[in-house]
């Protein structure tokens, strides 16, 4: 039986593999036209799997497909760089039973001679160079001149097509070099569609007999946006760690357990890379995660270009956004500040057990939120201490408070990141009951009211009856209405406005308790 692959390119004989035949046909069409083109995808997005499938297909079409990588060669002196290129090409041609005698690649000129010599034995070479952005500027200049000259002298060699693959479109890299090489075609490897995620999981269902609930398939797609590495990682963990018994179905509870593990414990290499890259641009990322004002997607901006190339952010309608919710959730968790003893102020007395919030239908979130309002009034600006966190302090304050109470009662919370700037949700899970708190910052009265209507519309699409709407405001005073219980378009919306403007710090003392601070 095959398995979900979480390391390296997929082998269809060993791994569940989405073959993406339309995308392969697109690549073949460009190759047949003799074009030199770029292949772009962020890391762990299925790029290597795609071009290996493409090359395998081209092999059946009587092409000679080759694949080499410049990874690790970029920092070498020019002479050592070409030694590596010579070795890599030699190994690839030997696999095709092609031997080259008398020609060694020592520079960009001998690279052309080498390929011309190879052409005497093969006239339809397709060369893929992966990690092309690793090449040094000095080497780039010579290589691109060589390929440019070969492109216009096709009668002298058999290089049918050249594919430059990397984590950026490479167009900027090429244009910024001294090379006159002109890449006019580009193939972008998109994430899986919802249908492709279902296709991948269906392979497991058919081969193992283990059923996946439709809600789980949808949740995997929604949380990953179809990012291939994440889709496979979640499926692999669910089926080997959470529900290893193939006679048992994979339910949404198993998915939530897996998601929680990925957000708190699991060291998925793809997610770790995203966090590492984002932490290098921490202040910018906090604006993306929590800011209400959209950030224009300007590709020439160094920060945006860096985060885009590594798959952290993307261009959505001309603005910066995180299109993979699991990335956003992970980053929110990764940037979460320590409570530093603040949890002692969540407790009102030494006999406080929080049992008063338990109801037959889950938890009384309205009562919990009113308690949070009282806590904020009591603590003042200390509840939003932003000395080390300028953005998102309001979210982390509420998240920490609700999580503390819910965990004490035996439940759990998860961060949700629905579409819409400045929005984060807190998903409360308690004894098979699911409740959602949406959080946002007050900007204008019209946006505040529109937010309620949007909530009602969302509830209708999700077939939910109620929602909790927490709005943090620096504009409201004690005399304003701060709580609303409304029915909008047939859905009940509970709105809590949390005042965040305080004239001076509160000097409230914490009760003396024996419990360890969370």
Protein backbone atom coordinates (compact mmCIF):
# COMPACT_ATOMS: atom_id res chain seq x y z
CA UNK A 1 0.00 0.00 0.00
CA UNK A 2 1.26 3.46 -0.85
CA UNK A 3 1.51 6.28 1.70
CA UNK A 4 1.30 10.04 2.02
CA UNK A 5 4.70 11.52 1.22
CA UNK A 6 6.20 14.15 3.53
CA UNK A 7 9.81 14.16 2.32
CA UNK A 8 11.16 14.84 -1.15
CA UNK A 9 9.42 14.40 -4.51
CA UNK A 10 6.60 11.89 -4.88
CA UNK A 11 7.14 8.55 -6.55
CA UNK A 12 3.73 7.41 -7.87
CA UNK A 13 4.73 3.79 -7.19
CA UNK A 14 5.36 4.48 -3.51
CA UNK A 15 3.28 7.56 -2.73
CA UNK A 16 -0.23 8.85 -3.29
CA UNK A 17 0.40 11.29 -6.13
CA UNK A 18 -1.79 13.82 -7.91
CA UNK A 19 -0.53 13.54 -11.49
CA UNK A 20 -1.71 17.01 -12.61
CA UNK A 21 -1.98 15.98 -16.23
CA UNK A 22 -3.23 19.39 -17.43
CA UNK A 23 -0.12 21.04 -16.00
CA UNK A 24 2.13 18.42 -17.57
CA UNK A 25 0.43 18.99 -20.93
CA UNK A 26 1.12 22.72 -20.54
CA UNK A 27 4.82 22.03 -19.94
CA UNK A 28 5.02 19.64 -22.89
CA UNK A 29 3.46 22.22 -25.18
CA UNK A 30 6.14 24.78 -24.29
CA UNK A 31 8.90 22.18 -24.73
CA UNK A 32 7.55 21.17 -28.15
CA UNK A 33 7.68 24.84 -29.15
CA UNK A 34 11.37 24.85 -28.24
CA UNK A 35 10.98 27.54 -25.60
CA UNK A 36 13.26 28.26 -22.66
CA UNK A 37 11.05 28.93 -19.67
CA UNK A 38 10.93 29.36 -15.90
CA UNK A 39 9.15 27.13 -13.43
CA UNK A 40 8.11 28.81 -10.19
CA UNK A 41 6.76 27.53 -6.88
CA UNK A 42 7.52 28.21 -3.21
CA UNK A 43 9.37 25.49 -1.33
CA UNK A 44 7.43 22.32 -0.49
CA UNK A 45 4.79 23.24 -3.07
CA UNK A 46 5.28 20.19 -5.29
CA UNK A 47 7.68 21.78 -7.77
CA UNK A 48 10.18 18.90 -7.84
CA UNK A 49 7.41 16.32 -8.10
CA UNK A 50 5.93 18.24 -11.03
CA UNK A 51 9.01 18.51 -13.17
CA UNK A 52 10.03 14.92 -12.44
CA UNK A 53 6.61 13.81 -13.68
CA UNK A 54 7.05 16.13 -16.66
CA UNK A 55 10.50 14.73 -17.45
CA UNK A 56 9.27 11.15 -17.14
CA UNK A 57 6.48 11.98 -19.59
CA UNK A 58 8.90 13.66 -21.99
CA UNK A 59 11.11 10.58 -21.89
CA UNK A 60 8.21 8.59 -23.32
CA UNK A 61 8.01 11.19 -26.09
CA UNK A 62 11.61 10.45 -27.17
CA UNK A 63 13.18 13.48 -25.52
CA UNK A 64 16.36 13.26 -23.42
CA UNK A 65 15.33 14.89 -20.13
CA UNK A 66 17.99 15.92 -17.60
CA UNK A 67 17.74 17.42 -14.12
CA UNK A 68 20.50 19.11 -12.13
CA UNK A 69 20.42 21.46 -9.15
CA UNK A 70 22.58 24.48 -8.35
CA UNK A 71 21.83 24.11 -4.64
CA UNK A 72 25.06 24.56 -2.69
CA UNK A 73 27.03 25.81 -5.70
CA UNK A 74 26.25 29.50 -5.45
CA UNK A 75 28.89 30.36 -2.86
CA UNK A 76 31.75 28.56 -4.59
CA UNK A 77 34.53 30.28 -6.55
CA UNK A 78 33.77 30.37 -10.26
CA UNK A 79 36.20 27.57 -11.08
CA UNK A 80 34.74 25.24 -8.44
CA UNK A 81 31.22 26.14 -9.55
CA UNK A 82 31.87 24.84 -13.06
CA UNK A 83 33.53 21.71 -11.69
CA UNK A 84 30.22 20.99 -9.95
CA UNK A 85 28.18 21.71 -13.09
CA UNK A 86 30.43 19.40 -15.11
CA UNK A 87 30.03 16.58 -12.60
CA UNK A 88 26.26 16.92 -12.32
CA UNK A 89 25.74 16.93 -16.10
CA UNK A 90 28.13 14.03 -16.56
CA UNK A 91 26.14 11.90 -14.10
CA UNK A 92 22.86 12.75 -15.80
CA UNK A 93 24.14 11.90 -19.30
CA UNK A 94 25.59 8.61 -18.05
CA UNK A 95 22.08 7.64 -16.92
CA UNK A 96 21.06 8.10 -20.55
CA UNK A 97 24.03 6.02 -21.77
CA UNK A 98 25.67 9.10 -23.23
CA UNK A 99 29.43 9.47 -22.70
CA UNK A 100 31.37 12.65 -23.37
CA UNK A 101 35.07 12.36 -24.10
CA UNK A 102 37.51 15.21 -24.51
CA UNK A 103 35.26 18.06 -23.38
CA UNK A 104 35.25 19.35 -19.80
CA UNK A 105 33.17 22.28 -18.53
CA UNK A 106 35.54 24.89 -17.08
CA UNK A 107 33.62 28.08 -17.89
CA UNK A 108 30.54 29.28 -19.75
CA UNK A 109 32.22 28.92 -23.15
CA UNK A 110 33.15 25.27 -22.59
CA UNK A 111 29.59 24.69 -21.30
CA UNK A 112 28.37 25.45 -24.81
CA UNK A 113 31.00 23.20 -26.36
CA UNK A 114 30.01 20.41 -23.98
CA UNK A 115 26.32 20.62 -24.94
CA UNK A 116 27.17 20.79 -28.62
CA UNK A 117 29.26 17.61 -28.26
CA UNK A 118 26.38 15.87 -26.46
CA UNK A 119 24.07 16.83 -29.30
CA UNK A 120 25.94 14.45 -31.60
CA UNK A 121 24.39 11.61 -29.58
CA UNK A 122 21.03 13.19 -28.71
CA UNK A 123 19.13 15.85 -30.60
CA UNK A 124 16.21 16.48 -28.23
CA UNK A 125 17.67 17.46 -24.87
CA UNK A 126 15.43 19.04 -22.21
CA UNK A 127 17.52 20.46 -19.36
CA UNK A 128 16.01 21.43 -16.00
CA UNK A 129 18.20 23.49 -13.67
CA UNK A 130 16.70 23.59 -10.18
CA UNK A 131 17.55 26.14 -7.46
CA UNK A 132 18.74 28.45 -10.22
CA UNK A 133 18.67 31.51 -7.96
CA UNK A 134 21.63 29.95 -6.07
CA UNK A 135 23.97 30.91 -8.90
CA UNK A 136 26.40 33.74 -8.17
CA UNK A 137 26.07 37.00 -10.15
CA UNK A 138 29.44 36.34 -11.79
CA UNK A 139 28.42 32.88 -12.99
CA UNK A 140 24.94 34.10 -13.91
CA UNK A 141 26.32 36.60 -16.40
CA UNK A 142 28.28 34.00 -18.36
CA UNK A 143 25.69 31.22 -18.23
CA UNK A 144 22.87 33.41 -19.46
CA UNK A 145 24.95 34.71 -22.36
CA UNK A 146 25.72 31.11 -23.30
CA UNK A 147 22.10 29.97 -23.27
CA UNK A 148 21.01 33.11 -25.08
CA UNK A 149 23.47 32.40 -27.88
CA UNK A 150 22.42 28.75 -28.06
CA UNK A 151 18.76 29.76 -28.23
CA UNK A 152 19.45 31.61 -31.48
CA UNK A 153 21.79 28.94 -32.92
CA UNK A 154 19.60 25.85 -32.65
CA UNK A 155 21.10 24.22 -35.72
CA UNK A 156 24.40 23.85 -33.84
CA UNK A 157 23.11 21.82 -30.89
CA UNK A 158 20.25 19.63 -29.65
CA UNK A 159 19.12 21.60 -26.60
CA UNK A 160 15.39 21.55 -27.34
CA UNK A 161 14.29 23.31 -24.16
CA UNK A 162 15.73 24.81 -20.98
CA UNK A 163 13.77 25.05 -17.74
CA UNK A 164 15.00 27.29 -14.91
CA UNK A 165 13.28 26.30 -11.67
CA UNK A 166 13.30 28.10 -8.34
CA UNK A 167 11.39 29.77 -5.52
CA UNK A 168 11.02 33.05 -7.39
CA UNK A 169 9.88 33.81 -10.91
CA UNK A 170 13.56 34.36 -11.81
CA UNK A 171 12.58 37.11 -14.25
CA UNK A 172 13.86 39.83 -11.89
CA UNK A 173 17.03 37.84 -11.27
CA UNK A 174 17.71 37.51 -14.97
CA UNK A 175 16.83 41.09 -15.86
CA UNK A 176 19.03 42.44 -13.08
CA UNK A 177 22.02 40.51 -14.39
CA UNK A 178 24.16 41.57 -17.32
CA UNK A 179 22.63 38.82 -19.42
CA UNK A 180 20.56 39.62 -22.50
CA UNK A 181 18.69 36.31 -22.02
CA UNK A 182 14.95 36.81 -22.35
CA UNK A 183 12.61 34.41 -20.56
CA UNK A 184 9.23 34.85 -22.17
CA UNK A 185 7.40 31.87 -20.71
CA UNK A 186 6.67 30.89 -17.15
CA UNK A 187 4.86 27.94 -15.60
CA UNK A 188 3.65 28.42 -12.06
CA UNK A 189 2.91 25.29 -10.04
CA UNK A 190 -0.28 26.10 -8.10
CA UNK A 191 -1.36 24.54 -4.84
CA UNK A 192 -3.84 21.67 -4.97
CA UNK A 193 -7.45 22.53 -5.65
CA UNK A 194 -10.18 21.22 -3.36
CA UNK A 195 -10.86 18.53 -5.94
CA UNK A 196 -7.20 17.50 -6.04
CA UNK A 197 -7.06 17.23 -2.24
CA UNK A 198 -10.09 14.95 -2.47
CA UNK A 199 -8.40 12.97 -5.26
CA UNK A 200 -5.28 12.45 -3.12
CA UNK A 201 -7.27 11.29 -0.08
CA UNK A 202 -9.44 9.06 -2.26
CA UNK A 203 -6.34 7.07 -3.20
CA UNK A 204 -5.78 6.31 0.49
CA UNK A 205 -9.44 5.45 1.02
CA UNK A 206 -9.44 3.00 -1.91
CA UNK A 207 -6.16 1.30 -0.98
CA UNK A 208 -6.62 1.16 2.81
CA UNK A 209 -10.39 1.04 3.15
CA UNK A 210 -10.25 3.85 5.73
CA UNK A 211 -13.07 6.37 5.38
CA UNK A 212 -12.52 10.14 5.55
CA UNK A 213 -15.51 12.29 6.52
CA UNK A 214 -16.22 14.99 3.92
CA UNK A 215 -15.89 17.63 6.66
CA UNK A 216 -12.30 16.49 7.27
CA UNK A 217 -11.38 16.78 3.59
CA UNK A 218 -12.82 20.27 3.50
CA UNK A 219 -11.00 21.25 6.73
CA UNK A 220 -7.68 20.00 5.37
CA UNK A 221 -8.14 22.02 2.18
CA UNK A 222 -9.32 25.17 3.98
CA UNK A 223 -6.47 25.13 6.50
CA UNK A 224 -3.74 24.42 3.94
CA UNK A 225 -5.19 26.20 0.88
CA UNK A 226 -4.07 23.02 -0.88
CA UNK A 227 -0.35 23.49 -0.13
CA UNK A 228 0.90 20.01 -1.16
CA UNK A 229 3.48 19.58 1.58
CA UNK A 230 0.98 20.49 4.31
CA UNK A 231 -1.82 18.39 2.84
CA UNK A 232 0.38 15.31 2.86
CA UNK A 233 1.78 16.07 6.31
CA UNK A 234 -1.67 16.42 7.90
CA UNK A 235 -3.00 13.28 6.19
CA UNK A 236 0.08 11.26 7.13
CA UNK A 237 -0.12 12.28 10.79
CA UNK A 238 -3.87 11.62 11.05
CA UNK A 239 -3.63 8.16 9.48
CA UNK A 240 -0.48 6.98 11.29
CA UNK A 241 -0.69 8.67 14.71
CA UNK A 242 -4.28 9.69 15.44
CA UNK A 243 -6.33 7.01 13.65
CA UNK A 244 -3.85 4.24 12.76
CA UNK A 245 -6.60 1.60 12.82
CA UNK A 246 -7.80 1.59 9.21
CA UNK A 247 -11.14 0.09 10.24
CA UNK A 248 -11.98 3.36 12.01
CA UNK A 249 -13.10 6.47 10.12
CA UNK A 250 -11.22 9.78 10.17
CA UNK A 251 -13.56 12.30 11.80
CA UNK A 252 -13.35 16.04 12.35
CA UNK A 253 -12.34 15.44 15.99
CA UNK A 254 -9.24 13.63 14.70
CA UNK A 255 -8.53 16.60 12.46
CA UNK A 256 -8.75 19.11 15.33
CA UNK A 257 -6.40 16.94 17.41
CA UNK A 258 -3.95 16.90 14.51
CA UNK A 259 -4.23 20.63 13.92
CA UNK A 260 -3.61 21.39 17.60
CA UNK A 261 -0.52 19.17 17.52
CA UNK A 262 0.83 20.93 14.42
CA UNK A 263 0.34 24.32 16.07
CA UNK A 264 1.98 23.42 19.36
CA UNK A 265 4.33 20.45 19.04
CA UNK A 266 4.85 19.09 15.53
CA UNK A 267 8.06 20.23 13.81
CA UNK A 268 6.99 20.02 10.19
CA UNK A 269 9.97 21.25 8.17
CA UNK A 270 7.80 23.32 5.87
CA UNK A 271 6.10 25.13 8.77
CA UNK A 272 9.41 25.57 10.61
CA UNK A 273 10.86 27.25 7.51
CA UNK A 274 7.87 29.60 7.27
CA UNK A 275 8.23 30.62 10.93
CA UNK A 276 11.98 31.17 10.57
CA UNK A 277 11.53 33.39 7.52
CA UNK A 278 8.65 35.32 9.10
CA UNK A 279 10.58 35.97 12.32
CA UNK A 280 13.24 37.72 10.25
CA UNK A 281 10.52 40.26 9.34
CA UNK A 282 8.61 40.16 12.65
CA UNK A 283 7.22 43.71 12.77
CA UNK A 284 5.99 43.52 9.19
CA UNK A 285 4.36 40.13 9.78
CA UNK A 286 2.50 41.40 12.86
CA UNK A 287 1.04 44.16 10.70
CA UNK A 288 -0.06 41.54 8.17
CA UNK A 289 -1.60 39.31 10.85
CA UNK A 290 -3.40 41.96 12.90
CA UNK A 291 -3.40 45.27 11.04
CA UNK A 292 -6.67 46.70 9.77
CA UNK A 293 -5.09 48.69 6.96
CA UNK A 294 -4.20 46.74 3.79
CA UNK A 295 -0.56 46.65 2.70
CA UNK A 296 -0.07 47.10 -1.07
CA UNK A 297 1.81 44.22 -2.65
CA UNK A 298 4.90 45.92 -4.08
CA UNK A 299 7.20 43.28 -5.52
CA UNK A 300 10.19 45.64 -5.54
CA UNK A 301 9.99 46.01 -1.76
CA UNK A 302 12.76 43.87 -0.26
CA UNK A 303 10.67 42.59 2.66
CA UNK A 304 7.70 41.66 0.49
CA UNK A 305 9.93 40.05 -2.16
CA UNK A 306 11.73 37.99 0.51
CA UNK A 307 8.55 36.71 2.19
CA UNK A 308 6.85 36.04 -1.15
CA UNK A 309 9.78 34.02 -2.50
CA UNK A 310 9.64 31.77 0.56
CA UNK A 311 5.87 31.25 0.36
CA UNK A 312 4.95 33.16 3.54
CA UNK A 313 2.78 35.78 1.82
CA UNK A 314 1.14 36.23 -1.56
CA UNK A 315 -0.47 38.85 -3.74
CA UNK A 316 -4.25 38.88 -3.24
CA UNK A 317 -6.03 41.52 -5.30
CA UNK A 318 -2.98 43.76 -5.14
CA UNK A 319 -2.46 43.47 -1.36
CA UNK A 320 -0.26 41.42 0.93
CA UNK A 321 -1.98 38.45 2.53
CA UNK A 322 -1.21 35.07 4.06
CA UNK A 323 -3.13 32.66 1.86
CA UNK A 324 -2.40 29.52 3.90
CA UNK A 325 -4.43 29.67 7.16
CA UNK A 326 -2.21 27.10 8.86
CA UNK A 327 0.75 29.41 8.31
CA UNK A 328 -1.15 32.32 9.86
CA UNK A 329 -2.23 30.23 12.85
CA UNK A 330 1.30 28.96 13.36
CA UNK A 331 2.73 32.47 13.20
CA UNK A 332 0.17 33.79 15.68
CA UNK A 333 1.17 30.98 18.05
CA UNK A 334 4.89 31.52 17.39
CA UNK A 335 4.68 35.26 18.11
CA UNK A 336 2.57 34.76 21.25
CA UNK A 337 4.25 36.51 24.19
CA UNK A 338 4.63 34.83 27.56
CA UNK A 339 1.90 35.69 30.06
CA UNK A 340 4.61 36.48 32.60
CA UNK A 341 2.35 35.77 35.55
CA UNK A 342 -0.64 37.65 34.14
CA UNK A 343 -2.84 34.58 34.52
CA UNK A 344 -2.96 35.13 38.29
CA UNK A 345 -5.25 38.09 37.57
CA UNK A 346 -7.72 35.83 35.72
CA UNK A 347 -8.66 34.21 39.05
CA UNK A 348 -11.05 36.14 41.27
CA UNK A 349 -10.77 34.00 44.40
CA UNK A 350 -9.05 30.91 45.75
CA UNK A 351 -12.32 28.95 45.37
CA UNK A 352 -12.83 29.95 41.74
CA UNK A 353 -13.40 26.73 39.71
CA UNK A 354 -15.07 28.25 36.59
CA UNK A 355 -17.84 25.62 36.82
CA UNK A 356 -20.44 28.39 36.63
CA UNK A 357 -19.63 28.70 32.90
CA UNK A 358 -20.57 25.09 32.05
CA UNK A 359 -23.97 24.66 30.36
CA UNK A 360 -25.76 21.70 28.73
CA UNK A 361 -24.89 23.23 25.33
CA UNK A 362 -21.20 23.78 25.99
CA UNK A 363 -19.91 26.90 27.71
CA UNK A 364 -21.51 30.21 28.58
CA UNK A 365 -19.20 32.37 26.48
CA UNK A 366 -21.21 35.52 27.15
CA UNK A 367 -20.50 35.17 30.85
CA UNK A 368 -16.85 34.44 30.14
CA UNK A 369 -16.56 37.51 27.92
CA UNK A 370 -18.22 39.71 30.56
CA UNK A 371 -15.67 38.40 33.02
CA UNK A 372 -12.95 39.31 30.55
CA UNK A 373 -14.37 42.86 30.30
CA UNK A 374 -14.19 43.15 34.08
CA UNK A 375 -10.62 41.86 34.04
CA UNK A 376 -9.60 44.45 31.44
CA UNK A 377 -11.21 47.26 33.45
CA UNK A 378 -9.45 46.04 36.56
CA UNK A 379 -6.04 45.68 34.95
CA UNK A 380 -6.20 48.67 32.61
CA UNK A 381 -3.35 49.05 30.14
CA UNK A 382 -1.48 46.17 31.76
CA UNK A 383 -3.90 43.79 30.04
CA UNK A 384 -2.49 45.06 26.73
CA UNK A 385 1.14 45.52 27.68
CA UNK A 386 2.75 46.04 24.27
CA UNK A 387 6.33 46.70 25.32
CA UNK A 388 7.45 43.70 23.27
CA UNK A 389 4.41 43.39 21.02
CA UNK A 390 3.06 46.45 19.26
CA UNK A 391 0.52 44.69 17.09
CA UNK A 392 -1.98 42.03 18.10
CA UNK A 393 -1.78 42.63 21.86
CA UNK A 394 -5.59 42.73 22.01
CA UNK A 395 -5.84 39.29 20.38
CA UNK A 396 -3.21 37.70 22.59
CA UNK A 397 -4.84 39.12 25.73
CA UNK A 398 -8.26 37.62 24.94
CA UNK A 399 -6.77 34.40 23.59
CA UNK A 400 -4.74 33.89 26.75
CA UNK A 401 -7.71 34.61 29.00
CA UNK A 402 -10.22 32.35 27.22
CA UNK A 403 -7.67 29.57 26.78
CA UNK A 404 -6.87 29.65 30.50
CA UNK A 405 -10.52 29.24 31.51
CA UNK A 406 -11.42 26.67 28.85
CA UNK A 407 -8.33 24.52 29.50
CA UNK A 408 -9.07 24.53 33.23
CA UNK A 409 -12.53 23.11 32.43
CA UNK A 410 -11.07 20.38 30.22
CA UNK A 411 -11.77 21.99 26.87
CA UNK A 412 -9.48 23.43 24.22
CA UNK A 413 -9.13 26.48 21.99
CA UNK A 414 -7.71 26.96 18.52
CA UNK A 415 -6.95 30.09 16.54
CA UNK A 416 -8.90 30.55 13.32
CA UNK A 417 -7.85 32.98 10.58
CA UNK A 418 -10.77 33.58 8.20
CA UNK A 419 -10.42 35.84 5.20
CA UNK A 420 -10.64 39.54 5.97
CA UNK A 421 -7.89 41.81 7.26
CA UNK A 422 -7.71 42.45 10.97
CA UNK A 423 -9.82 39.39 11.79
CA UNK A 424 -8.88 36.48 13.99
CA UNK A 425 -11.24 33.96 15.52
CA UNK A 426 -10.97 31.81 18.60
CA UNK A 427 -12.50 28.36 18.18
CA UNK A 428 -13.69 26.94 21.53
CA UNK A 429 -14.03 23.15 21.70
CA UNK A 430 -15.76 21.64 24.72
CA UNK A 431 -17.30 18.16 24.96
CA UNK A 432 -18.23 17.89 21.27
CA UNK A 433 -19.56 21.46 21.25
CA UNK A 434 -17.99 24.06 18.96
CA UNK A 435 -18.32 27.83 19.52
CA UNK A 436 -16.53 30.67 17.75
CA UNK A 437 -15.45 34.09 18.98
CA UNK A 438 -14.56 36.59 16.26
CA UNK A 439 -12.21 39.40 17.24
CA UNK A 440 -11.65 42.69 15.51
CA UNK A 441 -10.53 46.26 16.15
CA UNK A 442 -13.06 49.13 15.95
CA UNK A 443 -12.31 51.60 13.17
CA UNK A 444 -15.57 53.30 12.10
CA UNK A 445 -19.26 52.89 13.06
CA UNK A 446 -20.17 51.77 9.55
CA UNK A 447 -17.51 49.07 9.46
CA UNK A 448 -18.60 47.96 12.92
CA UNK A 449 -22.22 47.51 11.79
CA UNK A 450 -21.22 45.93 8.48
CA UNK A 451 -19.17 43.44 10.44
CA UNK A 452 -22.35 42.18 12.14
CA UNK A 453 -24.12 41.70 8.82
CA UNK A 454 -21.10 39.85 7.41
CA UNK A 455 -21.16 37.61 10.46
CA UNK A 456 -24.81 36.77 9.92
CA UNK A 457 -24.12 35.94 6.28
CA UNK A 458 -21.22 33.72 7.28
CA UNK A 459 -23.39 31.91 9.84
CA UNK A 460 -25.95 31.18 7.14
CA UNK A 461 -23.35 29.60 4.85
CA UNK A 462 -21.93 27.53 7.71
CA UNK A 463 -25.35 26.54 9.04
CA UNK A 464 -24.54 27.94 12.50
CA UNK A 465 -27.06 29.66 14.77
CA UNK A 466 -24.97 32.15 16.75
CA UNK A 467 -21.63 33.94 16.92
CA UNK A 468 -19.69 36.00 19.45
CA UNK A 469 -18.30 39.28 18.16
CA UNK A 470 -15.57 40.92 20.28
CA UNK A 471 -14.53 44.37 19.14
CA UNK A 472 -11.64 46.20 20.77
CA UNK A 473 -12.15 49.95 20.75
CA UNK A 474 -10.08 52.97 21.65
CA UNK A 475 -13.02 55.24 20.80
CA UNK A 476 -15.77 54.06 23.18
CA UNK A 477 -16.33 55.29 26.73
CA UNK A 478 -18.07 53.81 29.76
CA UNK A 479 -21.27 55.69 28.87
CA UNK A 480 -21.55 54.00 25.45
CA UNK A 481 -23.45 50.79 24.88
CA UNK A 482 -20.85 48.04 25.10
CA UNK A 483 -22.99 44.89 24.77
CA UNK A 484 -25.50 43.91 22.08
CA UNK A 485 -27.72 40.86 21.78
CA UNK A 486 -29.22 41.01 18.28
CA UNK A 487 -30.90 38.80 15.71
CA UNK A 488 -29.62 39.76 12.25
CA UNK A 489 -30.94 37.97 9.17
CA UNK A 490 -32.23 35.23 11.42
CA UNK A 491 -28.90 34.70 13.22
CA UNK A 492 -28.06 35.69 16.79
CA UNK A 493 -25.01 37.91 17.19
CA UNK A 494 -23.60 38.64 20.66
CA UNK A 495 -21.38 41.73 20.52
CA UNK A 496 -18.95 42.72 23.26
CA UNK A 497 -17.05 46.00 22.91
CA UNK A 498 -13.85 45.99 24.95
CA UNK A 499 -12.53 49.44 25.81
CA UNK A 500 -8.75 49.75 25.38
CA UNK A 501 -8.18 53.38 26.35
CA UNK A 502 -7.18 53.97 29.95
CA UNK A 503 -6.00 57.13 31.64
CA UNK A 504 -3.71 55.43 34.09
CA UNK A 505 -2.52 52.00 35.05
CA UNK A 506 -4.59 50.00 37.47
CA UNK A 507 -2.97 48.95 40.72
CA UNK A 508 -5.15 45.92 41.22
CA UNK A 509 -3.52 43.17 43.24
CA UNK A 510 -3.71 39.56 42.30
CA UNK A 511 -5.34 37.12 44.70
CA UNK A 512 -2.96 34.84 46.54
CA UNK A 513 -3.27 31.37 45.05
CA UNK A 514 -1.12 28.28 45.19
CA UNK A 515 -1.52 27.29 41.55
CA UNK A 516 1.47 27.71 39.29
CA UNK A 517 1.21 30.59 36.83
CA UNK A 518 0.34 29.53 33.32
